Protein backbone atom coordinates (compact mmCIF):
# COMPACT_ATOMS: atom_id res chain seq x y z
CA UNK A 1 -133.29 -25.14 49.54
CA UNK A 2 -132.20 -25.33 45.93
CA UNK A 3 -128.65 -26.15 46.94
CA UNK A 4 -129.85 -28.84 49.28
CA UNK A 5 -131.84 -30.46 46.43
CA UNK A 6 -128.83 -30.20 44.16
CA UNK A 7 -126.75 -32.44 46.42
CA UNK A 8 -129.59 -34.79 47.33
CA UNK A 9 -130.18 -35.44 43.53
CA UNK A 10 -126.48 -35.87 42.88
CA UNK A 11 -126.29 -38.33 45.83
CA UNK A 12 -129.14 -40.37 44.49
CA UNK A 13 -127.65 -40.47 40.94
CA UNK A 14 -124.22 -41.66 42.36
CA UNK A 15 -123.71 -45.35 41.29
CA UNK A 16 -123.97 -47.86 44.11
CA UNK A 17 -125.67 -45.20 46.41
CA UNK A 18 -129.29 -46.19 46.80
CA UNK A 19 -131.82 -44.33 49.05
CA UNK A 20 -130.91 -46.46 52.11
CA UNK A 21 -127.12 -45.74 51.63
CA UNK A 22 -127.80 -42.09 51.05
CA UNK A 23 -129.74 -41.64 54.16
CA UNK A 24 -126.94 -43.43 55.99
CA UNK A 25 -124.44 -40.98 54.49
CA UNK A 26 -126.47 -38.04 55.26
CA UNK A 27 -127.10 -39.05 58.86
CA UNK A 28 -123.27 -39.62 59.22
CA UNK A 29 -122.09 -36.29 57.84
CA UNK A 30 -125.18 -33.97 58.58
CA UNK A 31 -126.19 -33.15 54.92
CA UNK A 32 -125.77 -34.32 51.33
CA UNK A 33 -123.65 -31.34 50.59
CA UNK A 34 -121.24 -32.34 53.47
CA UNK A 35 -121.00 -35.91 52.01
CA UNK A 36 -119.53 -34.54 48.70
CA UNK A 37 -117.09 -32.47 50.90
CA UNK A 38 -115.43 -35.34 52.58
CA UNK A 39 -112.05 -36.76 51.78
CA UNK A 40 -111.90 -40.18 50.18
CA UNK A 41 -110.22 -41.96 53.19
CA UNK A 42 -112.91 -40.57 55.48
CA UNK A 43 -115.74 -41.80 53.27
CA UNK A 44 -114.13 -45.23 52.89
CA UNK A 45 -114.32 -45.62 56.63
CA UNK A 46 -117.98 -45.26 56.87
CA UNK A 47 -119.72 -48.78 57.26
CA UNK A 48 -120.97 -50.13 54.02
CA UNK A 49 -119.24 -47.43 51.70
CA UNK A 50 -115.80 -48.74 50.65
CA UNK A 51 -113.44 -47.51 47.85
CA UNK A 52 -115.89 -47.84 44.79
CA UNK A 53 -118.64 -45.58 46.30
CA UNK A 54 -116.04 -43.17 47.61
CA UNK A 55 -114.49 -42.91 44.19
CA UNK A 56 -117.86 -42.36 42.52
CA UNK A 57 -118.67 -39.44 45.04
CA UNK A 58 -115.51 -37.65 43.69
CA UNK A 59 -116.86 -37.52 40.23
CA UNK A 60 -118.27 -34.23 39.03
CA UNK A 61 -120.46 -36.00 36.49
CA UNK A 62 -123.42 -36.57 39.17
CA UNK A 63 -123.47 -32.82 40.29
CA UNK A 64 -123.69 -31.81 36.56
CA UNK A 65 -126.68 -34.29 36.04
CA UNK A 66 -128.34 -32.92 39.13
CA UNK A 67 -128.01 -29.48 37.78
CA UNK A 68 -129.83 -30.63 34.56
CA UNK A 69 -132.54 -32.25 36.59
CA UNK A 70 -133.12 -28.79 38.41
CA UNK A 71 -133.27 -27.03 35.06
CA UNK A 72 -135.70 -29.45 33.60
CA UNK A 73 -137.95 -29.29 36.73
CA UNK A 74 -138.02 -25.50 36.53
CA UNK A 75 -138.68 -25.55 32.68
CA UNK A 76 -141.62 -28.09 33.00
CA UNK A 77 -143.31 -26.88 36.22
CA UNK A 78 -142.28 -29.98 38.28
CA UNK A 79 -141.85 -30.10 41.98
CA UNK A 80 -138.84 -31.97 43.48
CA UNK A 81 -139.82 -33.37 46.99
CA UNK A 82 -137.12 -34.03 49.43
CA UNK A 83 -137.56 -36.54 52.41
CA UNK A 84 -136.61 -33.61 54.60
CA UNK A 85 -139.70 -31.54 53.44
CA UNK A 86 -142.52 -31.21 56.05
CA UNK A 87 -145.07 -32.50 53.68
CA UNK A 88 -143.31 -35.43 52.59
CA UNK A 89 -146.01 -38.06 52.56
CA UNK A 90 -146.29 -39.62 56.20
CA UNK A 91 -146.62 -43.34 55.28
CA UNK A 92 -143.90 -43.18 52.68
CA UNK A 93 -141.49 -41.55 55.23
CA UNK A 94 -141.86 -44.75 57.33
CA UNK A 95 -140.30 -46.96 54.68
CA UNK A 96 -136.56 -47.64 55.10
CA UNK A 97 -136.09 -47.38 51.24
CA UNK A 98 -138.34 -44.46 50.63
CA UNK A 99 -136.85 -42.05 48.07
CA UNK A 100 -134.61 -39.18 49.36
CA UNK A 101 -136.03 -37.21 46.46
CA UNK A 102 -138.81 -37.68 43.93
CA UNK A 103 -140.39 -35.65 41.14
CA UNK A 104 -144.12 -34.79 40.87
CA UNK A 105 -146.23 -33.17 38.40
CA UNK A 106 -149.76 -31.96 38.77
CA UNK A 107 -152.10 -30.88 41.68
CA UNK A 108 -151.01 -33.34 44.43
CA UNK A 109 -152.18 -32.66 47.85
CA UNK A 110 -151.40 -35.64 50.27
CA UNK A 111 -151.45 -34.09 53.62
CA UNK A 112 -154.09 -35.62 56.12
CA UNK A 113 -155.51 -37.65 53.33
CA UNK A 114 -156.55 -41.44 53.19
CA UNK A 115 -154.28 -42.98 50.40
CA UNK A 116 -155.29 -46.30 48.95
CA UNK A 117 -153.25 -48.24 46.38
CA UNK A 118 -155.46 -50.27 43.98
CA UNK A 119 -153.61 -52.52 41.67
CA UNK A 120 -154.13 -55.58 39.43
CA UNK A 121 -153.57 -57.23 36.08
CA UNK A 122 -153.13 -55.42 32.86
CA UNK A 123 -155.51 -58.08 31.40
CA UNK A 124 -158.43 -57.17 33.63
CA UNK A 125 -161.72 -58.88 32.89
CA UNK A 126 -165.07 -56.87 32.72
CA UNK A 127 -165.80 -58.20 36.18
CA UNK A 128 -162.71 -57.06 37.64
CA UNK A 129 -163.03 -53.64 36.23
CA UNK A 130 -166.56 -53.34 37.33
CA UNK A 131 -165.57 -54.22 40.80
CA UNK A 132 -162.84 -51.64 40.83
CA UNK A 133 -165.31 -48.95 39.65
CA UNK A 134 -167.86 -49.88 42.24
CA UNK A 135 -165.18 -49.92 45.06
CA UNK A 136 -163.94 -46.33 44.14
CA UNK A 137 -167.48 -45.09 43.92
CA UNK A 138 -168.39 -46.57 47.23
CA UNK A 139 -165.25 -44.95 48.93
CA UNK A 140 -165.91 -41.61 47.32
CA UNK A 141 -167.67 -40.02 50.27
CA UNK A 142 -164.44 -40.55 52.41
CA UNK A 143 -162.21 -38.50 50.04
CA UNK A 144 -159.82 -41.33 49.42
CA UNK A 145 -156.88 -40.53 47.15
CA UNK A 146 -156.41 -43.57 44.83
CA UNK A 147 -152.88 -44.51 43.99
CA UNK A 148 -151.82 -46.94 41.23
CA UNK A 149 -149.21 -47.46 38.39
CA UNK A 150 -151.02 -45.97 35.21
CA UNK A 151 -150.71 -49.36 33.34
CA UNK A 152 -153.42 -50.95 31.31
CA UNK A 153 -156.26 -52.83 32.99
CA UNK A 154 -156.95 -52.38 36.67
CA UNK A 155 -154.51 -49.44 37.21
CA UNK A 156 -156.05 -47.10 34.74
CA UNK A 157 -159.60 -48.26 35.60
CA UNK A 158 -158.86 -47.19 39.13
CA UNK A 159 -157.54 -43.69 38.02
CA UNK A 160 -160.43 -43.01 35.77
CA UNK A 161 -162.87 -44.10 38.45
CA UNK A 162 -161.36 -41.75 40.84
CA UNK A 163 -161.58 -38.88 38.45
CA UNK A 164 -165.17 -39.75 37.53
CA UNK A 165 -165.97 -39.50 41.35
CA UNK A 166 -163.92 -36.22 41.70
CA UNK A 167 -161.34 -37.86 43.91
CA UNK A 168 -157.66 -37.00 43.87
CA UNK A 169 -155.54 -39.83 42.04
CA UNK A 170 -151.71 -40.32 41.80
CA UNK A 171 -150.06 -42.39 39.25
CA UNK A 172 -146.45 -43.58 40.16
CA UNK A 173 -144.34 -44.05 37.04
CA UNK A 174 -141.33 -46.18 36.22
CA UNK A 175 -139.59 -43.66 34.00
CA UNK A 176 -138.85 -39.94 33.98
CA UNK A 177 -141.52 -37.13 33.49
CA UNK A 178 -140.36 -36.06 30.07
CA UNK A 179 -142.67 -38.63 28.35
CA UNK A 180 -145.57 -40.94 29.24
CA UNK A 181 -145.99 -44.72 29.02
CA UNK A 182 -148.13 -46.26 27.84
CA UNK A 183 -148.56 -43.55 25.00
CA UNK A 184 -152.30 -44.78 24.81
CA UNK A 185 -152.83 -43.08 28.25
CA UNK A 186 -151.37 -39.69 27.25
CA UNK A 187 -155.01 -38.61 26.67
CA UNK A 188 -155.73 -38.90 30.35
CA UNK A 189 -152.70 -36.72 31.46
CA UNK A 190 -154.43 -33.31 31.67
CA UNK A 191 -157.37 -34.75 33.67
CA UNK A 192 -154.93 -36.54 35.91
CA UNK A 193 -152.92 -33.54 36.64
CA UNK A 194 -156.13 -31.52 37.59
CA UNK A 195 -157.22 -34.19 39.97
CA UNK A 196 -153.76 -35.24 41.43
CA UNK A 197 -150.85 -36.08 39.03
CA UNK A 198 -147.66 -38.22 38.58
CA UNK A 199 -144.90 -39.21 40.87
CA UNK A 200 -141.63 -40.98 40.01
CA UNK A 201 -138.18 -41.04 41.56
CA UNK A 202 -136.60 -41.48 38.17
CA UNK A 203 -134.98 -38.40 36.56
CA UNK A 204 -135.93 -36.97 33.19
CA UNK A 205 -133.35 -38.97 31.34
CA UNK A 206 -134.72 -42.36 32.54
CA UNK A 207 -136.21 -44.42 29.79
CA UNK A 208 -139.15 -46.79 30.49
CA UNK A 209 -137.65 -50.08 31.48
CA UNK A 210 -139.22 -53.12 33.09
CA UNK A 211 -136.35 -53.37 35.72
CA UNK A 212 -137.77 -50.02 37.11
CA UNK A 213 -141.09 -51.55 38.06
CA UNK A 214 -139.83 -52.72 41.55
CA UNK A 215 -138.70 -49.21 42.36
CA UNK A 216 -142.12 -47.90 41.18
CA UNK A 217 -144.10 -50.50 43.05
CA UNK A 218 -142.30 -49.60 46.43
CA UNK A 219 -143.68 -46.12 45.97
CA UNK A 220 -147.18 -47.20 45.31
CA UNK A 221 -147.02 -49.51 48.45
CA UNK A 222 -145.25 -47.03 50.57
CA UNK A 223 -147.46 -43.92 49.90
CA UNK A 224 -150.64 -45.89 50.80
CA UNK A 225 -152.29 -46.77 53.91
CA UNK A 226 -153.46 -50.05 52.33
CA UNK A 227 -153.25 -51.80 49.07
CA UNK A 228 -156.02 -53.55 47.24
CA UNK A 229 -155.33 -56.25 44.55
CA UNK A 230 -158.15 -56.79 42.11
CA UNK A 231 -157.39 -59.74 39.77
CA UNK A 232 -153.73 -61.06 39.35
CA UNK A 233 -152.13 -63.96 37.76
CA UNK A 234 -149.76 -66.26 39.78
CA UNK A 235 -146.97 -63.83 39.10
CA UNK A 236 -146.92 -60.00 38.26
CA UNK A 237 -146.33 -56.60 39.51
CA UNK A 238 -149.49 -56.37 41.57
CA UNK A 239 -148.29 -59.25 43.69
CA UNK A 240 -144.86 -57.61 44.01
CA UNK A 241 -146.75 -54.34 45.20
CA UNK A 242 -148.69 -56.37 47.74
CA UNK A 243 -145.70 -58.10 49.04
CA UNK A 244 -143.93 -54.77 49.55
CA UNK A 245 -146.96 -53.43 51.26
CA UNK A 246 -147.07 -56.34 53.53
CA UNK A 247 -143.41 -56.09 54.27
CA UNK A 248 -144.05 -52.29 55.35
CA UNK A 249 -146.62 -53.55 57.81
CA UNK A 250 -149.55 -52.04 55.77
CA UNK A 251 -153.02 -53.72 55.37
CA UNK A 252 -153.37 -55.68 52.10
CA UNK A 253 -156.76 -56.71 50.72
CA UNK A 254 -157.48 -59.12 47.80
CA UNK A 255 -160.56 -59.78 45.68
CA UNK A 256 -161.22 -63.53 45.67
CA UNK A 257 -162.00 -65.57 42.38
CA UNK A 258 -162.69 -68.97 41.28
CA UNK A 259 -159.82 -71.43 41.76
CA UNK A 260 -159.32 -72.14 38.00
CA UNK A 261 -159.53 -68.48 36.85
CA UNK A 262 -155.98 -67.43 35.66
CA UNK A 263 -156.38 -63.87 36.90
CA UNK A 264 -157.72 -64.91 40.32
CA UNK A 265 -154.62 -67.21 41.05
CA UNK A 266 -152.63 -64.25 42.60
CA UNK A 267 -155.52 -62.93 44.78
CA UNK A 268 -156.35 -66.33 46.09
CA UNK A 269 -152.70 -67.02 46.92
CA UNK A 270 -152.55 -63.80 49.00
CA UNK A 271 -155.58 -64.83 50.94
CA UNK A 272 -154.39 -68.47 51.30
CA UNK A 273 -150.95 -67.24 52.55
CA UNK A 274 -152.65 -64.79 55.18
CA UNK A 275 -151.01 -61.85 53.53
CA UNK A 276 -154.38 -60.21 52.55
CA UNK A 277 -157.80 -59.68 54.00
CA UNK A 278 -160.75 -60.89 51.90
CA UNK A 279 -162.42 -57.97 50.06
CA UNK A 280 -166.06 -58.47 48.94
CA UNK A 281 -167.18 -54.80 49.25
CA UNK A 282 -165.93 -51.41 50.40
CA UNK A 283 -167.49 -52.06 53.85
CA UNK A 284 -164.76 -54.80 54.41
CA UNK A 285 -162.07 -52.35 53.87
CA UNK A 286 -163.65 -49.42 55.81
CA UNK A 287 -164.18 -51.55 58.83
CA UNK A 288 -160.68 -52.99 58.85
CA UNK A 289 -159.00 -49.67 58.43
CA UNK A 290 -161.32 -48.01 60.93
CA UNK A 291 -162.26 -45.44 58.43
CA UNK A 292 -165.78 -45.50 59.85
CA UNK A 293 -164.62 -44.41 63.30
CA UNK A 294 -165.31 -40.75 63.97
CA UNK A 295 -162.28 -38.69 64.95
CA UNK A 296 -161.65 -38.82 68.79
CA UNK A 297 -162.22 -35.92 70.97
CA UNK A 298 -159.15 -34.17 72.24
CA UNK A 299 -158.13 -35.36 75.71
CA UNK A 300 -157.19 -32.68 78.38
CA UNK A 301 -154.73 -35.26 79.96
CA UNK A 302 -153.29 -32.68 82.43
CA UNK A 303 -156.66 -32.33 84.03
CA UNK A 304 -158.08 -35.83 83.63
CA UNK A 305 -155.45 -38.46 82.95
CA UNK A 306 -152.77 -39.55 85.39
CA UNK A 307 -149.75 -40.92 83.36
CA UNK A 308 -146.66 -42.68 84.62
CA UNK A 309 -143.36 -41.05 83.55
CA UNK A 310 -142.77 -43.50 80.69
CA UNK A 311 -146.36 -43.27 79.39
CA UNK A 312 -145.79 -39.30 79.61
CA UNK A 313 -142.56 -39.87 77.56
CA UNK A 314 -144.45 -41.71 74.88
CA UNK A 315 -147.39 -39.25 74.66
CA UNK A 316 -145.09 -36.22 74.64
CA UNK A 317 -143.00 -37.87 71.69
CA UNK A 318 -146.17 -38.44 69.66
CA UNK A 319 -147.40 -35.03 70.38
CA UNK A 320 -144.17 -33.43 69.19
CA UNK A 321 -143.56 -35.69 66.12
CA UNK A 322 -146.99 -36.70 64.98
CA UNK A 323 -148.02 -40.22 63.88
CA UNK A 324 -145.30 -42.92 64.43
CA UNK A 325 -144.87 -46.46 63.65
CA UNK A 326 -144.08 -48.85 66.41
CA UNK A 327 -140.49 -49.19 65.42
CA UNK A 328 -139.79 -45.45 65.00
CA UNK A 329 -141.44 -44.77 68.30
CA UNK A 330 -139.30 -47.42 69.88
CA UNK A 331 -136.10 -45.62 68.63
CA UNK A 332 -137.24 -42.18 69.31
CA UNK A 333 -138.22 -42.93 72.88
CA UNK A 334 -135.35 -45.44 73.41
CA UNK A 335 -137.72 -48.15 74.75
CA UNK A 336 -137.74 -51.73 73.88
CA UNK A 337 -140.68 -53.01 71.90
CA UNK A 338 -141.99 -55.28 74.61
CA UNK A 339 -142.21 -52.34 77.11
CA UNK A 340 -143.54 -49.92 74.61
CA UNK A 341 -146.28 -52.26 73.45
CA UNK A 342 -147.66 -52.35 76.98
CA UNK A 343 -147.32 -48.63 77.51
CA UNK A 344 -149.27 -48.02 74.32
CA UNK A 345 -151.99 -50.42 75.34
CA UNK A 346 -152.32 -48.60 78.75
CA UNK A 347 -152.37 -45.19 76.89
CA UNK A 348 -155.09 -46.35 74.65
CA UNK A 349 -157.15 -47.52 77.65
CA UNK A 350 -156.60 -43.92 79.07
CA UNK A 351 -157.86 -42.35 75.87
CA UNK A 352 -154.54 -40.68 75.11
CA UNK A 353 -153.31 -42.71 72.12
CA UNK A 354 -155.13 -43.93 69.12
CA UNK A 355 -153.71 -47.10 67.24
CA UNK A 356 -154.03 -46.84 63.43
CA UNK A 357 -153.62 -49.47 60.71
CA UNK A 358 -150.00 -50.57 59.93
CA UNK A 359 -148.85 -50.51 63.56
CA UNK A 360 -148.89 -46.71 63.48
CA UNK A 361 -149.93 -44.61 66.73
CA UNK A 362 -151.06 -40.92 67.08
CA UNK A 363 -151.87 -39.08 70.24
CA UNK A 364 -155.45 -37.76 70.53
């Protein structure tokens, strides 16, 4: 396992090799270690690789950097999570650009949890912060995990509200775990780690840099079943997170504001462009996400439900692989979307499959 992580980290650190390319190489050669064992001419022939990436893959520098990451993680009690791990977060794994490895610190337990991203401006008003606190308090009975970016304003308000209501909360960072930004939030770290913790896909030598925000925001959006935006200017990181969530097929919610309020412009635009649902209370979110629906009873389909061969194929795949997006299910079952959509509708009618937000399906 440690050896696998070493090569995954080295692959992620290799220049010009992002998470998408890394997964392509691993799928082509079978493992990250195998990638580093290939001849240059073999690597160059892989679609999208070429001579520059092949050259970087032959440098020992990135394996040495990966070894340093492993040592740092051991010394500071960090966990390095691989996208091949069984407990890799479900929704994050559905994203094509999800990190092949990320680092976490604290007491983070995300399996079978409802994850909700709450983001917004750093210059939050008292009204925005009060709404955020009330929203989290109203969602507390559902055991929601609150995900945000640990920034000033709405982010830290959401984290603090989660801790106040004894909810797990996860902060996604735009730097390594050898320091904390902003420094003013260092005082919350211990409580954060007891009630969740920190996640980043930046190594410990990565400094705070604004160009890292996009990478950080994709994890906030990707981890979460839905994203809530509470106050945003016409531009800003919270709108980027909302756009990413929308592109992932997740539900987005925005709190409306007066037309001329500077920090309502972003939310109003999301609503006007039909990228977000109107959010006036926790009930709006709960109903849209169907979090008020009790878990369905198991169906003994072999006794009571008659399925066509294609319906049985889809049901068996979901039973074997767990929750799946429409696209992943189409690839896994080798069925076109138009046919699969009809099959899923029939399976839902027969009580075999349950649709979830974000075009995700699971077998009952």
